[in-house]
Amino acid sequence: MYNKTIELFPFGTLKAKGRSKVWQASVTIPHLGGDFDVVIRGTPEGPLASQTTAFSKLIEPNLAVCDEITNKVTAFINSCGIIPSNTTVDCSNVWSFITPELIEVHESNFYSLGEGELGTNVISIGYLTPWTEDQLIQVPFLNGEIGTIYSE
């Protein structure tokens, strides 16, 4: 049960419990594949201004970023050895295989593979594949740039 709700652009309706610093929302970002749950690790009062700025960059439709995600996710999936031998994944069909899952807006510039630019907030964009439940593909969004794809 959530007992705090705020409306904040660009997140929409954010919910949290008690004095929690963890805020949750759901968003649709068509150029990134569709519907995501969002987790923001902010303050008891809401997201930091820097998190709002970082997320605003993410939701802004950007063909170059979308193309880069497409290329990097395709290469990553093909390097993981999870694709059945009778399936081909390339840039023309990768979006039909991945399912938007979770976007996490971190409280700092640190994330699983290292760190982003000082003074920025890392955003991790998570996708599921149909071939394994053990692997969530993570796309780090670092101050408007796509980092190294990894899995958790």
C-alpha atoms as a PDB file:
ATOM      1  CA  MET A   1       0.000   0.000   0.000  1.00  0.00           C
ATOM      2  CA  TYR A   2       1.410   3.372  -1.023  1.00  0.00           C
ATOM      3  CA  ASN A   3       0.783   6.328   1.214  1.00  0.00           C
ATOM      4  CA  LYS A   4       2.600   9.108  -0.675  1.00  0.00           C
ATOM      5  CA  THR A   5       1.685  10.227  -4.164  1.00  0.00           C
ATOM      6  CA  ILE A   6       3.045  13.157  -6.150  1.00  0.00           C
ATOM      7  CA  GLU A   7       2.669  14.308  -9.747  1.00  0.00           C
ATOM      8  CA  LEU A   8       5.954  15.312 -11.319  1.00  0.00           C
ATOM      9  CA  PHE A   9       6.911  15.832 -14.937  1.00  0.00           C
ATOM     10  CA  PRO A  10       8.369  13.861 -16.680  1.00  0.00           C
ATOM     11  CA  PHE A  11       7.570  10.856 -14.463  1.00  0.00           C
ATOM     12  CA  GLY A  12       3.833  11.349 -14.072  1.00  0.00           C
ATOM     13  CA  THR A  13       2.323   9.875 -10.905  1.00  0.00           C
ATOM     14  CA  LEU A  14       4.973   8.777  -8.412  1.00  0.00           C
ATOM     15  CA  LYS A  15       4.215   6.656  -5.366  1.00  0.00           C
ATOM     16  CA  ALA A  16       6.239   5.808  -2.261  1.00  0.00           C
ATOM     17  CA  LYS A  17       5.694   4.393   1.213  1.00  0.00           C
ATOM     18  CA  GLY A  18       6.276   6.326   4.431  1.00  0.00           C
ATOM     19  CA  ARG A  19       9.696   7.976   4.608  1.00  0.00           C
ATOM     20  CA  SER A  20      11.017   5.824   1.776  1.00  0.00           C
ATOM     21  CA  LYS A  21      13.370   7.387  -0.747  1.00  0.00           C
ATOM     22  CA  VAL A  22      12.247   4.888  -3.392  1.00  0.00           C
ATOM     23  CA  TRP A  23       9.588   6.198  -5.752  1.00  0.00           C
ATOM     24  CA  GLN A  24       7.720   4.098  -8.319  1.00  0.00           C
ATOM     25  CA  ALA A  25       5.845   4.932 -11.487  1.00  0.00           C
ATOM     26  CA  SER A  26       4.860   3.419 -14.822  1.00  0.00           C
ATOM     27  CA  VAL A  27       5.680   5.105 -18.110  1.00  0.00           C
ATOM     28  CA  THR A  28       5.264   4.460 -21.799  1.00  0.00           C
ATOM     29  CA  ILE A  29       8.274   5.338 -23.956  1.00  0.00           C
ATOM     30  CA  PRO A  30       7.412   4.234 -27.508  1.00  0.00           C
ATOM     31  CA  HIS A  31      10.885   4.836 -28.987  1.00  0.00           C
ATOM     32  CA  LEU A  32      12.368   2.521 -26.325  1.00  0.00           C
ATOM     33  CA  GLY A  33       9.891  -0.290 -26.803  1.00  0.00           C
ATOM     34  CA  GLY A  34       6.807   0.571 -24.785  1.00  0.00           C
ATOM     35  CA  ASP A  35       5.736   0.276 -21.153  1.00  0.00           C
ATOM     36  CA  PHE A  36       8.194   0.249 -18.244  1.00  0.00           C
ATOM     37  CA  ASP A  37       7.959   0.182 -14.489  1.00  0.00           C
ATOM     38  CA  VAL A  38      10.167   2.941 -13.110  1.00  0.00           C
ATOM     39  CA  VAL A  39      12.068   2.995  -9.815  1.00  0.00           C
ATOM     40  CA  ILE A  40      13.663   6.270  -8.701  1.00  0.00           C
ATOM     41  CA  ARG A  41      16.036   6.284  -5.734  1.00  0.00           C
ATOM     42  CA  GLY A  42      15.576   9.884  -4.658  1.00  0.00           C
ATOM     43  CA  THR A  43      14.706  11.593  -1.376  1.00  0.00           C
ATOM     44  CA  PRO A  44      11.717  11.204   0.966  1.00  0.00           C
ATOM     45  CA  GLU A  45      10.256  14.267  -0.795  1.00  0.00           C
ATOM     46  CA  GLY A  46      10.690  12.945  -4.337  1.00  0.00           C
ATOM     47  CA  PRO A  47      13.287  12.668  -7.103  1.00  0.00           C
ATOM     48  CA  LEU A  48      16.321  14.928  -7.159  1.00  0.00           C
ATOM     49  CA  ALA A  49      16.365  17.727  -9.743  1.00  0.00           C
ATOM     50  CA  SER A  50      19.281  15.970 -11.464  1.00  0.00           C
ATOM     51  CA  GLN A  51      17.203  12.765 -11.735  1.00  0.00           C
ATOM     52  CA  THR A  52      14.366  14.704 -13.335  1.00  0.00           C
ATOM     53  CA  THR A  53      16.808  16.234 -15.822  1.00  0.00           C
ATOM     54  CA  ALA A  54      18.348  12.841 -16.659  1.00  0.00           C
ATOM     55  CA  PHE A  55      14.952  11.209 -17.151  1.00  0.00           C
ATOM     56  CA  SER A  56      13.806  14.101 -19.356  1.00  0.00           C
ATOM     57  CA  LYS A  57      16.739  13.350 -21.679  1.00  0.00           C
ATOM     58  CA  LEU A  58      15.731   9.682 -21.794  1.00  0.00           C
ATOM     59  CA  ILE A  59      12.096  10.210 -22.735  1.00  0.00           C
ATOM     60  CA  GLU A  60      12.851  12.763 -25.454  1.00  0.00           C
ATOM     61  CA  PRO A  61      12.552  10.879 -28.769  1.00  0.00           C
ATOM     62  CA  ASN A  62      16.037  10.672 -30.224  1.00  0.00           C
ATOM     63  CA  LEU A  63      16.639   8.606 -33.358  1.00  0.00           C
ATOM     64  CA  ALA A  64      20.405   8.452 -32.821  1.00  0.00           C
ATOM     65  CA  VAL A  65      19.987   7.048 -29.279  1.00  0.00           C
ATOM     66  CA  CYS A  66      17.371   4.565 -30.458  1.00  0.00           C
ATOM     67  CA  ASP A  67      19.636   3.394 -33.291  1.00  0.00           C
ATOM     68  CA  GLU A  68      22.560   3.043 -30.899  1.00  0.00           C
ATOM     69  CA  ILE A  69      20.468   0.993 -28.445  1.00  0.00           C
ATOM     70  CA  THR A  70      19.251  -1.182 -31.326  1.00  0.00           C
ATOM     71  CA  ASN A  71      22.800  -1.845 -32.537  1.00  0.00           C
ATOM     72  CA  LYS A  72      24.294  -2.441 -29.089  1.00  0.00           C
ATOM     73  CA  VAL A  73      21.468  -4.659 -27.803  1.00  0.00           C
ATOM     74  CA  THR A  74      21.563  -6.720 -31.022  1.00  0.00           C
ATOM     75  CA  ALA A  75      25.310  -7.236 -30.697  1.00  0.00           C
ATOM     76  CA  PHE A  76      24.994  -8.067 -26.999  1.00  0.00           C
ATOM     77  CA  ILE A  77      22.211 -10.633 -27.504  1.00  0.00           C
ATOM     78  CA  ASN A  78      24.163 -12.299 -30.299  1.00  0.00           C
ATOM     79  CA  SER A  79      27.261 -12.512 -28.089  1.00  0.00           C
ATOM     80  CA  CYS A  80      25.474 -14.127 -25.115  1.00  0.00           C
ATOM     81  CA  GLY A  81      24.778 -17.553 -26.594  1.00  0.00           C
ATOM     82  CA  ILE A  82      21.115 -17.502 -25.539  1.00  0.00           C
ATOM     83  CA  ILE A  83      19.491 -17.405 -28.984  1.00  0.00           C
ATOM     84  CA  PRO A  84      18.145 -20.723 -30.305  1.00  0.00           C
ATOM     85  CA  SER A  85      20.025 -21.985 -33.365  1.00  0.00           C
ATOM     86  CA  ASN A  86      16.941 -21.611 -35.582  1.00  0.00           C
ATOM     87  CA  THR A  87      16.523 -17.906 -34.674  1.00  0.00           C
ATOM     88  CA  THR A  88      18.255 -14.902 -36.173  1.00  0.00           C
ATOM     89  CA  VAL A  89      18.374 -11.618 -34.296  1.00  0.00           C
ATOM     90  CA  ASP A  90      19.447  -8.518 -36.161  1.00  0.00           C
ATOM     91  CA  CYS A  91      18.704  -4.810 -36.057  1.00  0.00           C
ATOM     92  CA  SER A  92      15.565  -5.270 -38.148  1.00  0.00           C
ATOM     93  CA  ASN A  93      13.863  -7.602 -35.653  1.00  0.00           C
ATOM     94  CA  VAL A  94      15.525  -7.204 -32.241  1.00  0.00           C
ATOM     95  CA  TRP A  95      12.634  -5.103 -30.882  1.00  0.00           C
ATOM     96  CA  SER A  96      10.231  -7.992 -31.532  1.00  0.00           C
ATOM     97  CA  PHE A  97      12.299 -10.185 -29.173  1.00  0.00           C
ATOM     98  CA  ILE A  98      12.909  -7.878 -26.216  1.00  0.00           C
ATOM     99  CA  THR A  99      10.296  -6.786 -23.691  1.00  0.00           C
ATOM    100  CA  PRO A 100      10.560  -3.543 -21.724  1.00  0.00           C
ATOM    101  CA  GLU A 101      10.778  -4.339 -18.013  1.00  0.00           C
ATOM    102  CA  LEU A 102      12.255  -1.738 -15.684  1.00  0.00           C
ATOM    103  CA  ILE A 103      13.933   1.647 -15.698  1.00  0.00           C
ATOM    104  CA  GLU A 104      15.946   2.496 -12.608  1.00  0.00           C
ATOM    105  CA  VAL A 105      16.998   6.081 -11.983  1.00  0.00           C
ATOM    106  CA  HIS A 106      20.012   5.898  -9.679  1.00  0.00           C
ATOM    107  CA  GLU A 107      20.759   8.417  -6.970  1.00  0.00           C
ATOM    108  CA  SER A 108      24.297   9.033  -8.233  1.00  0.00           C
ATOM    109  CA  ASN A 109      26.620   8.509 -11.171  1.00  0.00           C
ATOM    110  CA  PHE A 110      27.535   4.935 -10.068  1.00  0.00           C
ATOM    111  CA  TYR A 111      26.087   1.715 -11.531  1.00  0.00           C
ATOM    112  CA  SER A 112      26.983  -1.973 -11.875  1.00  0.00           C
ATOM    113  CA  LEU A 113      29.711  -1.463 -14.501  1.00  0.00           C
ATOM    114  CA  GLY A 114      31.310   1.646 -13.093  1.00  0.00           C
ATOM    115  CA  GLU A 115      30.308   5.259 -13.117  1.00  0.00           C
ATOM    116  CA  GLY A 116      28.973   7.966 -15.360  1.00  0.00           C
ATOM    117  CA  GLU A 117      29.975  11.606 -15.532  1.00  0.00           C
ATOM    118  CA  LEU A 118      30.374  13.251 -12.111  1.00  0.00           C
ATOM    119  CA  GLY A 119      27.255  15.201 -11.133  1.00  0.00           C
ATOM    120  CA  THR A 120      24.910  13.131 -13.290  1.00  0.00           C
ATOM    121  CA  ASN A 121      22.498  10.308 -12.528  1.00  0.00           C
ATOM    122  CA  VAL A 122      22.820   6.944 -14.226  1.00  0.00           C
ATOM    123  CA  ILE A 123      19.637   5.416 -15.625  1.00  0.00           C
ATOM    124  CA  SER A 124      19.459   1.669 -16.257  1.00  0.00           C
ATOM    125  CA  ILE A 125      16.963   0.518 -18.898  1.00  0.00           C
ATOM    126  CA  GLY A 126      16.094  -3.157 -18.457  1.00  0.00           C
ATOM    127  CA  TYR A 127      14.749  -5.566 -21.077  1.00  0.00           C
ATOM    128  CA  LEU A 128      13.729  -9.226 -20.878  1.00  0.00           C
ATOM    129  CA  THR A 129      14.331 -11.754 -23.649  1.00  0.00           C
ATOM    130  CA  PRO A 130      12.121 -14.762 -24.458  1.00  0.00           C
ATOM    131  CA  TRP A 131      15.028 -17.218 -24.164  1.00  0.00           C
ATOM    132  CA  THR A 132      15.960 -16.957 -20.504  1.00  0.00           C
ATOM    133  CA  GLU A 133      14.407 -15.668 -17.316  1.00  0.00           C
ATOM    134  CA  ASP A 134      17.843 -15.486 -15.719  1.00  0.00           C
ATOM    135  CA  GLN A 135      19.042 -12.524 -17.731  1.00  0.00           C
ATOM    136  CA  LEU A 136      17.824  -8.947 -17.733  1.00  0.00           C
ATOM    137  CA  ILE A 137      19.588  -6.892 -20.390  1.00  0.00           C
ATOM    138  CA  GLN A 138      20.685  -3.571 -18.916  1.00  0.00           C
ATOM    139  CA  VAL A 139      21.221  -0.507 -21.087  1.00  0.00           C
ATOM    140  CA  PRO A 140      22.957   2.261 -19.118  1.00  0.00           C
ATOM    141  CA  PHE A 141      21.915   5.778 -20.084  1.00  0.00           C
ATOM    142  CA  LEU A 142      24.709   8.116 -18.987  1.00  0.00           C
ATOM    143  CA  ASN A 143      23.924  11.807 -19.329  1.00  0.00           C
ATOM    144  CA  GLY A 144      22.328  11.326 -22.740  1.00  0.00           C
ATOM    145  CA  GLU A 145      24.771   8.661 -23.951  1.00  0.00           C
ATOM    146  CA  ILE A 146      24.455   4.879 -24.108  1.00  0.00           C
ATOM    147  CA  GLY A 147      27.061   2.970 -22.090  1.00  0.00           C
ATOM    148  CA  THR A 148      28.223  -0.636 -22.299  1.00  0.00           C
ATOM    149  CA  ILE A 149      25.323  -3.114 -22.370  1.00  0.00           C
ATOM    150  CA  TYR A 150      25.445  -5.770 -19.643  1.00  0.00           C
ATOM    151  CA  SER A 151      23.141  -8.267 -17.964  1.00  0.00           C
ATOM    152  CA  GLU A 152      22.064  -9.013 -14.426  1.00  0.00           C
END
